[in-house]
Amino acid sequence: MSDRQRFQNKVVIVTGAAQGIGRGVALQVASEGAQVVMADLSPYVQEVLAEIEELGGDAVIINADLETYAGAQSVVEKAIATYGRVDALINNVGGAIWMKPFQEFSEQEIIKEVNRSLFPTMWCCRAVLPEMIKNQKGTIVNVSSIATRGINRVPYSASKGGVNGLTASLAFEHAKDGIRVNAVATGGTEAPPRKVPRNANPLSENEQQWMQEVVDQTIDRTFLGRYGSIQEQVNAIVFLASDESSYMTGTVVPVGGGDQG
């Protein structure tokens, strides 16, 4: 367990907790005293639960399809049934499935990108709102992206632009209810290979080239000239979820080594 206990007696929902940044966030808040509700469709979330329990933390998991409102509702209901309330919601589900010029996307691919990277955040915000309004307090952190200005992933970029708009407007609308809403616009992040790939098909030669263009553009726009680490993203997300950021709301914080998105 961490020496810092910023989340002692706090109930925190983390979506997309099975791997990557979501896993890092779940482990961090659990180590700081949170009761964690981890939402993910992947069975690998069981491994994260085992890690938390091994460290003496308190967590539960729920398998939910967050591309649906019913799935988002089920996560909030699980948190309330298990721990009695929700103090913080960290929306981590999302991520570009394909990287290629916009004219190469099919209609269905565009819909899938938006369903993955905008709707889970929107549905979870909507699902948790009545609980937070009732309690007259709560904190929401949305994981956005500096790719709102990026190449070869226009549907994803548009989705994350939507997350930024949702963040600002929701914060404005519900500050009177004691609810803070912020976002972290993550930059390029070094991560282990995904256990469950977003796109299971092997990349064609063109797709490999388009992906490399994304990597080159990301590094070129980053002052520090490198990708960040998962922990560097986790640090910012957890700060915004904690009371340390109590005078911040409606803000999108870029964590991209100088790239403002």
Foldseek 3Di string as FASTA:
>chain_A
DDPAQLAALAEEEQEPCLFFLNVVLQQVNQLNHYQYEYEAQDPSVVVSVVVSVVSVGHYDYDYFQLLDLVRLLVSQVVSCVVRNAHAEYEADWADFLAFAAPVVDDPVSLVVRLSGQARSLVSNCVNRVVRLLVVLAHEYEYEAALVLPFHRRPSNNVRSVNVLVCFQVVQVVRVRSHYAGEYEHFAAEDGPPDPDHSHPDDDDPNRVVSVVRRVVVLLVLAPVSDHHYSVLSSVVRVCRRGCVPVVDHSYYHYPRNRRPD
